[in-house]
Amino acid sequence: RLIPYKLGLEAIPALSQELKNGRYLPIVSQSMHMQDPVRYISRVCDLSASILNDLIHFNDVIECLADKPEVEQTAQINRIQTWYEENNSLPEVQRLLKIVEAGKTWYEVDHNAWRLVELNAKEAVPVFLKFLQQMKIRIIQL
């Protein structure tokens, strides 16, 4: 099954089910510089978890559930489904603001923050300032 390059929230229910899928897939990636392609294998659940972590930002990281007990698999999938049901109906700007507010590092939120900039969301300015202030405090504590 092919997954489109740009996934939205509508992919969350299907991806959450794939967290239990421990099968391996051959992956071929081509660099921008047209060097030799890189070939490797990856589990479907690891790929799904990576995509879900980009779409949803929980306090903890979503991970592959293939090796976890059935109870833990069900609990994690239900948590993702609940998040989807609560946030799917929100306007895109509100949903993105919520994700950026929940982020701990710039790496976690950069693509969502850039989307807010693309949308010209003025509501994002206080959130960005708060995020930068928190980052400044963390850096000073180091």
N, C-alpha and C. Protein backbone atom coordinates (compact mmCIF):
# COMPACT_ATOMS: atom_id res chain seq x y z
N ARG A 1 0.85 -1.16 0.00
CA ARG A 1 0.00 0.00 0.00
C ARG A 1 0.90 1.23 0.00
N LEU A 2 0.59 2.19 -0.84
CA LEU A 2 1.36 3.42 -0.93
C LEU A 2 0.77 4.47 0.00
N ILE A 3 1.64 5.20 0.68
CA ILE A 3 1.20 6.28 1.56
C ILE A 3 1.55 7.59 0.89
N PRO A 4 0.59 8.51 0.74
CA PRO A 4 0.90 9.79 0.11
C PRO A 4 1.98 10.54 0.88
N TYR A 5 2.70 11.40 0.18
CA TYR A 5 3.79 12.15 0.81
C TYR A 5 3.30 13.02 1.94
N LYS A 6 2.22 13.73 1.75
CA LYS A 6 1.73 14.65 2.76
C LYS A 6 0.48 14.07 3.41
N LEU A 7 0.60 13.68 4.65
CA LEU A 7 -0.52 13.08 5.36
C LEU A 7 -1.13 14.09 6.30
N GLY A 8 -2.44 14.00 6.47
CA GLY A 8 -3.15 14.86 7.40
C GLY A 8 -3.78 14.03 8.50
N LEU A 9 -4.63 14.67 9.28
CA LEU A 9 -5.26 13.99 10.40
C LEU A 9 -6.10 12.79 9.97
N GLU A 10 -6.61 12.83 8.74
CA GLU A 10 -7.45 11.71 8.30
C GLU A 10 -6.68 10.39 8.26
N ALA A 11 -5.36 10.44 8.29
CA ALA A 11 -4.54 9.22 8.26
C ALA A 11 -4.34 8.62 9.65
N ILE A 12 -4.67 9.35 10.70
CA ILE A 12 -4.39 8.90 12.07
C ILE A 12 -5.06 7.58 12.43
N PRO A 13 -6.36 7.37 12.15
CA PRO A 13 -6.96 6.09 12.52
C PRO A 13 -6.25 4.88 11.87
N ALA A 14 -5.94 4.98 10.59
CA ALA A 14 -5.27 3.87 9.91
C ALA A 14 -3.85 3.67 10.42
N LEU A 15 -3.13 4.77 10.63
CA LEU A 15 -1.75 4.66 11.12
C LEU A 15 -1.70 4.08 12.53
N SER A 16 -2.68 4.44 13.36
CA SER A 16 -2.67 3.91 14.73
C SER A 16 -2.84 2.39 14.73
N GLN A 17 -3.62 1.86 13.79
CA GLN A 17 -3.78 0.41 13.70
C GLN A 17 -2.49 -0.27 13.24
N GLU A 18 -1.69 0.44 12.44
CA GLU A 18 -0.43 -0.12 11.94
C GLU A 18 0.66 -0.18 13.01
N LEU A 19 0.41 0.43 14.19
CA LEU A 19 1.40 0.36 15.27
C LEU A 19 1.60 -1.05 15.77
N LYS A 20 0.65 -1.94 15.49
CA LYS A 20 0.77 -3.35 15.90
C LYS A 20 1.47 -4.19 14.84
N ASN A 21 1.70 -3.63 13.66
CA ASN A 21 2.23 -4.38 12.52
C ASN A 21 3.75 -4.46 12.61
N GLY A 22 4.25 -5.63 12.92
CA GLY A 22 5.69 -5.83 13.07
C GLY A 22 6.40 -6.28 11.80
N ARG A 23 5.68 -6.34 10.66
CA ARG A 23 6.32 -6.76 9.41
C ARG A 23 7.37 -5.76 8.97
N TYR A 24 8.35 -6.26 8.24
CA TYR A 24 9.42 -5.42 7.72
C TYR A 24 9.14 -5.04 6.27
N LEU A 25 9.56 -3.83 5.91
CA LEU A 25 9.42 -3.34 4.55
C LEU A 25 10.79 -2.96 4.01
N PRO A 26 11.06 -3.28 2.75
CA PRO A 26 12.30 -2.76 2.16
C PRO A 26 12.10 -1.28 1.80
N ILE A 27 13.05 -0.47 2.14
CA ILE A 27 12.98 0.96 1.89
C ILE A 27 14.14 1.35 0.98
N VAL A 28 13.84 2.17 -0.01
CA VAL A 28 14.89 2.72 -0.88
C VAL A 28 14.71 4.23 -0.88
N SER A 29 15.77 4.93 -0.53
CA SER A 29 15.68 6.40 -0.54
C SER A 29 16.78 6.96 -1.43
N GLN A 30 16.43 8.01 -2.11
CA GLN A 30 17.36 8.68 -3.02
C GLN A 30 17.68 10.04 -2.45
N SER A 31 18.95 10.37 -2.37
CA SER A 31 19.33 11.68 -1.84
C SER A 31 19.10 12.77 -2.88
N MET A 32 19.11 13.99 -2.43
CA MET A 32 18.91 15.12 -3.33
C MET A 32 20.06 15.26 -4.32
N HIS A 33 21.22 14.75 -3.96
CA HIS A 33 22.40 14.90 -4.80
C HIS A 33 22.56 13.76 -5.81
N MET A 34 21.52 12.92 -5.92
CA MET A 34 21.48 11.82 -6.88
C MET A 34 22.64 10.84 -6.73
N GLN A 35 23.06 10.64 -5.50
CA GLN A 35 24.07 9.62 -5.25
C GLN A 35 23.39 8.27 -5.27
N ASP A 36 24.13 7.23 -5.00
CA ASP A 36 23.55 5.90 -4.98
C ASP A 36 22.41 5.83 -3.97
N PRO A 37 21.33 5.16 -4.33
CA PRO A 37 20.22 5.05 -3.38
C PRO A 37 20.62 4.25 -2.14
N VAL A 38 20.02 4.61 -1.04
CA VAL A 38 20.26 3.92 0.22
C VAL A 38 19.16 2.89 0.40
N ARG A 39 19.54 1.66 0.70
CA ARG A 39 18.57 0.59 0.89
C ARG A 39 18.65 0.09 2.33
N TYR A 40 17.51 -0.08 2.94
CA TYR A 40 17.44 -0.62 4.29
C TYR A 40 16.06 -1.20 4.51
N ILE A 41 15.86 -1.84 5.66
CA ILE A 41 14.53 -2.35 5.99
C ILE A 41 14.06 -1.67 7.27
N SER A 42 12.77 -1.53 7.39
CA SER A 42 12.18 -0.93 8.57
C SER A 42 10.84 -1.59 8.84
N ARG A 43 10.48 -1.64 10.10
CA ARG A 43 9.18 -2.20 10.44
C ARG A 43 8.08 -1.20 10.15
N VAL A 44 6.93 -1.70 9.74
CA VAL A 44 5.77 -0.86 9.45
C VAL A 44 5.39 -0.06 10.69
N CYS A 45 5.45 -0.69 11.86
CA CYS A 45 5.05 0.01 13.09
C CYS A 45 6.00 1.16 13.41
N ASP A 46 7.28 1.02 13.12
CA ASP A 46 8.23 2.10 13.37
C ASP A 46 7.97 3.29 12.44
N LEU A 47 7.66 3.00 11.18
CA LEU A 47 7.33 4.06 10.23
C LEU A 47 6.04 4.77 10.64
N SER A 48 5.03 3.99 11.04
CA SER A 48 3.76 4.57 11.47
C SER A 48 3.94 5.45 12.71
N ALA A 49 4.74 4.97 13.66
CA ALA A 49 4.99 5.74 14.88
C ALA A 49 5.68 7.06 14.56
N SER A 50 6.63 7.02 13.64
CA SER A 50 7.34 8.24 13.25
C SER A 50 6.38 9.26 12.64
N ILE A 51 5.50 8.81 11.77
CA ILE A 51 4.54 9.72 11.13
C ILE A 51 3.56 10.25 12.17
N LEU A 52 3.07 9.39 13.06
CA LEU A 52 2.13 9.82 14.10
C LEU A 52 2.77 10.85 15.03
N ASN A 53 4.03 10.66 15.36
CA ASN A 53 4.72 11.63 16.22
C ASN A 53 4.83 12.99 15.56
N ASP A 54 4.85 13.02 14.23
CA ASP A 54 4.85 14.31 13.52
C ASP A 54 3.46 14.94 13.50
N LEU A 55 2.42 14.11 13.47
CA LEU A 55 1.05 14.61 13.41
C LEU A 55 0.49 14.98 14.78
N ILE A 56 0.87 14.22 15.79
CA ILE A 56 0.33 14.39 17.15
C ILE A 56 1.51 14.56 18.08
N HIS A 57 1.40 15.45 19.03
CA HIS A 57 2.47 15.60 20.02
C HIS A 57 1.89 15.36 21.40
N PHE A 58 2.13 14.16 21.91
CA PHE A 58 1.75 13.84 23.28
C PHE A 58 2.93 14.19 24.18
N ASN A 59 2.74 14.07 25.48
CA ASN A 59 3.85 14.29 26.40
C ASN A 59 4.90 13.20 26.28
N ASP A 60 4.50 12.03 25.84
CA ASP A 60 5.46 10.96 25.61
C ASP A 60 5.42 10.58 24.13
N VAL A 61 6.44 9.91 23.67
CA VAL A 61 6.57 9.57 22.26
C VAL A 61 5.76 8.32 21.95
N ILE A 62 5.09 8.34 20.82
CA ILE A 62 4.38 7.15 20.34
C ILE A 62 5.42 6.20 19.77
N GLU A 63 5.34 4.94 20.12
CA GLU A 63 6.32 3.98 19.62
C GLU A 63 5.65 2.73 19.08
N CYS A 64 6.45 1.91 18.43
CA CYS A 64 5.97 0.65 17.85
C CYS A 64 5.38 -0.22 18.96
N LEU A 65 4.24 -0.82 18.68
CA LEU A 65 3.58 -1.66 19.69
C LEU A 65 3.63 -3.14 19.36
N ALA A 66 4.35 -3.51 18.32
CA ALA A 66 4.35 -4.90 17.86
C ALA A 66 4.81 -5.87 18.94
N ASP A 67 5.74 -5.44 19.78
CA ASP A 67 6.28 -6.33 20.81
C ASP A 67 5.65 -6.13 22.18
N LYS A 68 4.63 -5.31 22.26
CA LYS A 68 3.98 -5.01 23.53
C LYS A 68 2.78 -5.92 23.75
N PRO A 69 2.37 -6.09 25.02
CA PRO A 69 1.17 -6.90 25.30
C PRO A 69 -0.09 -6.28 24.69
N GLU A 70 -1.07 -7.10 24.44
CA GLU A 70 -2.32 -6.67 23.81
C GLU A 70 -2.99 -5.53 24.59
N VAL A 71 -2.94 -5.58 25.91
CA VAL A 71 -3.56 -4.55 26.75
C VAL A 71 -2.90 -3.19 26.49
N GLU A 72 -1.58 -3.17 26.41
CA GLU A 72 -0.86 -1.93 26.16
C GLU A 72 -1.12 -1.41 24.74
N GLN A 73 -1.20 -2.32 23.78
CA GLN A 73 -1.51 -1.94 22.40
C GLN A 73 -2.87 -1.25 22.34
N THR A 74 -3.87 -1.88 22.95
CA THR A 74 -5.23 -1.34 22.93
C THR A 74 -5.29 0.02 23.62
N ALA A 75 -4.62 0.17 24.76
CA ALA A 75 -4.64 1.43 25.50
C ALA A 75 -4.02 2.56 24.67
N GLN A 76 -2.89 2.28 24.04
CA GLN A 76 -2.22 3.32 23.24
C GLN A 76 -3.06 3.71 22.01
N ILE A 77 -3.60 2.71 21.33
CA ILE A 77 -4.43 2.99 20.15
C ILE A 77 -5.69 3.76 20.54
N ASN A 78 -6.31 3.40 21.66
CA ASN A 78 -7.49 4.13 22.14
C ASN A 78 -7.15 5.58 22.47
N ARG A 79 -5.98 5.80 23.05
CA ARG A 79 -5.55 7.16 23.38
C ARG A 79 -5.38 8.00 22.11
N ILE A 80 -4.80 7.40 21.07
CA ILE A 80 -4.62 8.10 19.80
C ILE A 80 -5.97 8.38 19.16
N GLN A 81 -6.86 7.38 19.18
CA GLN A 81 -8.20 7.55 18.60
C GLN A 81 -8.97 8.65 19.33
N THR A 82 -8.85 8.72 20.66
CA THR A 82 -9.52 9.75 21.44
C THR A 82 -9.00 11.14 21.06
N TRP A 83 -7.66 11.26 20.94
CA TRP A 83 -7.09 12.53 20.52
C TRP A 83 -7.64 12.94 19.16
N TYR A 84 -7.72 11.99 18.25
CA TYR A 84 -8.21 12.25 16.90
C TYR A 84 -9.66 12.74 16.94
N GLU A 85 -10.50 12.07 17.71
CA GLU A 85 -11.91 12.45 17.79
C GLU A 85 -12.09 13.83 18.41
N GLU A 86 -11.26 14.17 19.42
CA GLU A 86 -11.36 15.47 20.08
C GLU A 86 -10.84 16.61 19.21
N ASN A 87 -9.85 16.34 18.40
CA ASN A 87 -9.17 17.41 17.67
C ASN A 87 -9.48 17.49 16.19
N ASN A 88 -10.12 16.49 15.63
CA ASN A 88 -10.39 16.48 14.20
C ASN A 88 -11.34 17.59 13.78
N SER A 89 -12.26 17.94 14.65
CA SER A 89 -13.25 18.96 14.29
C SER A 89 -12.75 20.39 14.53
N LEU A 90 -11.62 20.55 15.21
CA LEU A 90 -11.08 21.90 15.45
C LEU A 90 -10.59 22.51 14.15
N PRO A 91 -10.69 23.82 14.02
CA PRO A 91 -10.08 24.49 12.87
C PRO A 91 -8.56 24.25 12.88
N GLU A 92 -7.96 24.28 11.70
CA GLU A 92 -6.54 23.94 11.57
C GLU A 92 -5.66 24.82 12.46
N VAL A 93 -5.95 26.11 12.53
CA VAL A 93 -5.11 27.02 13.32
C VAL A 93 -5.16 26.65 14.79
N GLN A 94 -6.35 26.38 15.33
CA GLN A 94 -6.46 25.99 16.75
C GLN A 94 -5.73 24.69 17.03
N ARG A 95 -5.87 23.74 16.14
CA ARG A 95 -5.21 22.44 16.31
C ARG A 95 -3.69 22.61 16.29
N LEU A 96 -3.18 23.40 15.35
CA LEU A 96 -1.74 23.63 15.27
C LEU A 96 -1.22 24.38 16.49
N LEU A 97 -2.00 25.35 16.98
CA LEU A 97 -1.59 26.07 18.19
C LEU A 97 -1.49 25.12 19.38
N LYS A 98 -2.45 24.22 19.49
CA LYS A 98 -2.45 23.24 20.57
C LYS A 98 -1.21 22.35 20.51
N ILE A 99 -0.83 21.95 19.30
CA ILE A 99 0.35 21.09 19.12
C ILE A 99 1.62 21.85 19.47
N VAL A 100 1.72 23.09 19.00
CA VAL A 100 2.92 23.88 19.29
C VAL A 100 3.04 24.14 20.79
N GLU A 101 1.92 24.42 21.45
CA GLU A 101 1.95 24.64 22.90
C GLU A 101 2.40 23.40 23.66
N ALA A 102 2.08 22.22 23.14
CA ALA A 102 2.45 20.97 23.81
C ALA A 102 3.89 20.56 23.55
N GLY A 103 4.52 21.15 22.54
CA GLY A 103 5.88 20.76 22.18
C GLY A 103 6.91 21.18 23.22
N LYS A 104 7.95 20.38 23.34
CA LYS A 104 9.03 20.68 24.28
C LYS A 104 10.27 21.22 23.58
N THR A 105 10.48 20.80 22.33
CA THR A 105 11.64 21.27 21.58
C THR A 105 11.18 21.80 20.23
N TRP A 106 12.02 22.66 19.65
CA TRP A 106 11.69 23.23 18.34
C TRP A 106 11.56 22.12 17.31
N TYR A 107 12.41 21.09 17.41
CA TYR A 107 12.37 19.98 16.47
C TYR A 107 10.98 19.33 16.45
N GLU A 108 10.32 19.27 17.58
CA GLU A 108 9.00 18.65 17.67
C GLU A 108 7.92 19.48 16.98
N VAL A 109 8.09 20.78 16.94
CA VAL A 109 7.00 21.65 16.49
C VAL A 109 7.30 22.46 15.24
N ASP A 110 8.51 22.35 14.70
CA ASP A 110 8.89 23.28 13.63
C ASP A 110 7.96 23.22 12.42
N HIS A 111 7.58 22.01 11.96
CA HIS A 111 6.72 21.95 10.78
C HIS A 111 5.31 22.50 11.07
N ASN A 112 4.84 22.32 12.30
CA ASN A 112 3.53 22.89 12.68
C ASN A 112 3.63 24.41 12.81
N ALA A 113 4.74 24.89 13.36
CA ALA A 113 4.93 26.32 13.50
C ALA A 113 5.02 26.99 12.13
N TRP A 114 5.74 26.36 11.22
CA TRP A 114 5.85 26.93 9.86
C TRP A 114 4.49 26.95 9.18
N ARG A 115 3.67 25.95 9.43
CA ARG A 115 2.33 25.94 8.84
C ARG A 115 1.51 27.12 9.38
N LEU A 116 1.67 27.42 10.67
CA LEU A 116 0.98 28.59 11.24
C LEU A 116 1.45 29.88 10.58
N VAL A 117 2.72 29.96 10.28
CA VAL A 117 3.26 31.13 9.59
C VAL A 117 2.66 31.22 8.18
N GLU A 118 2.61 30.07 7.48
CA GLU A 118 2.02 30.05 6.14
C GLU A 118 0.57 30.51 6.16
N LEU A 119 -0.16 30.15 7.23
CA LEU A 119 -1.56 30.53 7.35
C LEU A 119 -1.73 31.97 7.84
N ASN A 120 -0.61 32.62 8.14
CA ASN A 120 -0.64 33.99 8.63
C ASN A 120 -1.47 34.12 9.91
N ALA A 121 -1.33 33.15 10.80
CA ALA A 121 -2.12 33.09 12.03
C ALA A 121 -1.53 34.03 13.08
N LYS A 122 -2.19 35.15 13.27
CA LYS A 122 -1.71 36.14 14.24
C LYS A 122 -1.84 35.62 15.67
N GLU A 123 -2.74 34.67 15.87
CA GLU A 123 -2.90 34.07 17.21
C GLU A 123 -1.65 33.30 17.63
N ALA A 124 -0.78 32.99 16.68
CA ALA A 124 0.41 32.20 16.98
C ALA A 124 1.51 33.02 17.63
N VAL A 125 1.48 34.34 17.47
CA VAL A 125 2.57 35.17 18.00
C VAL A 125 2.76 34.99 19.50
N PRO A 126 1.71 35.09 20.34
CA PRO A 126 1.92 34.88 21.79
C PRO A 126 2.42 33.45 22.10
N VAL A 127 1.95 32.49 21.35
CA VAL A 127 2.38 31.10 21.58
C VAL A 127 3.85 30.95 21.23
N PHE A 128 4.28 31.55 20.11
CA PHE A 128 5.70 31.51 19.73
C PHE A 128 6.57 32.19 20.78
N LEU A 129 6.12 33.35 21.26
CA LEU A 129 6.89 34.07 22.27
C LEU A 129 7.01 33.27 23.56
N LYS A 130 5.91 32.64 23.97
CA LYS A 130 5.93 31.80 25.16
C LYS A 130 6.87 30.61 24.97
N PHE A 131 6.82 30.01 23.78
CA PHE A 131 7.68 28.87 23.47
C PHE A 131 9.15 29.30 23.52
N LEU A 132 9.46 30.45 22.93
CA LEU A 132 10.84 30.93 22.93
C LEU A 132 11.31 31.26 24.34
N GLN A 133 10.43 31.81 25.17
CA GLN A 133 10.78 32.11 26.56
C GLN A 133 11.09 30.82 27.32
N GLN A 134 10.29 29.79 27.11
CA GLN A 134 10.55 28.51 27.76
C GLN A 134 11.88 27.93 27.31
N MET A 135 12.19 28.06 26.02
CA MET A 135 13.47 27.57 25.50
C MET A 135 14.63 28.34 26.12
N LYS A 136 14.46 29.65 26.30
CA LYS A 136 15.50 30.48 26.91
C LYS A 136 15.75 30.02 28.34
N ILE A 137 14.71 29.75 29.10
CA ILE A 137 14.84 29.28 30.48
C ILE A 137 15.56 27.94 30.52
N ARG A 138 15.22 27.03 29.61
CA ARG A 138 15.90 25.72 29.57
C ARG A 138 17.38 25.86 29.26
N ILE A 139 17.73 26.76 28.36
CA ILE A 139 19.11 26.95 27.98
C ILE A 139 19.90 27.53 29.15
N ILE A 140 19.30 28.49 29.86
CA ILE A 140 19.96 29.09 31.01
C ILE A 140 20.19 28.04 32.09
N GLN A 141 19.26 27.12 32.29
CA GLN A 141 19.39 26.08 33.30
C GLN A 141 20.50 25.09 32.98
N LEU A 142 20.81 24.94 31.70
CA LEU A 142 21.89 24.04 31.31
C LEU A 142 23.20 24.63 31.76
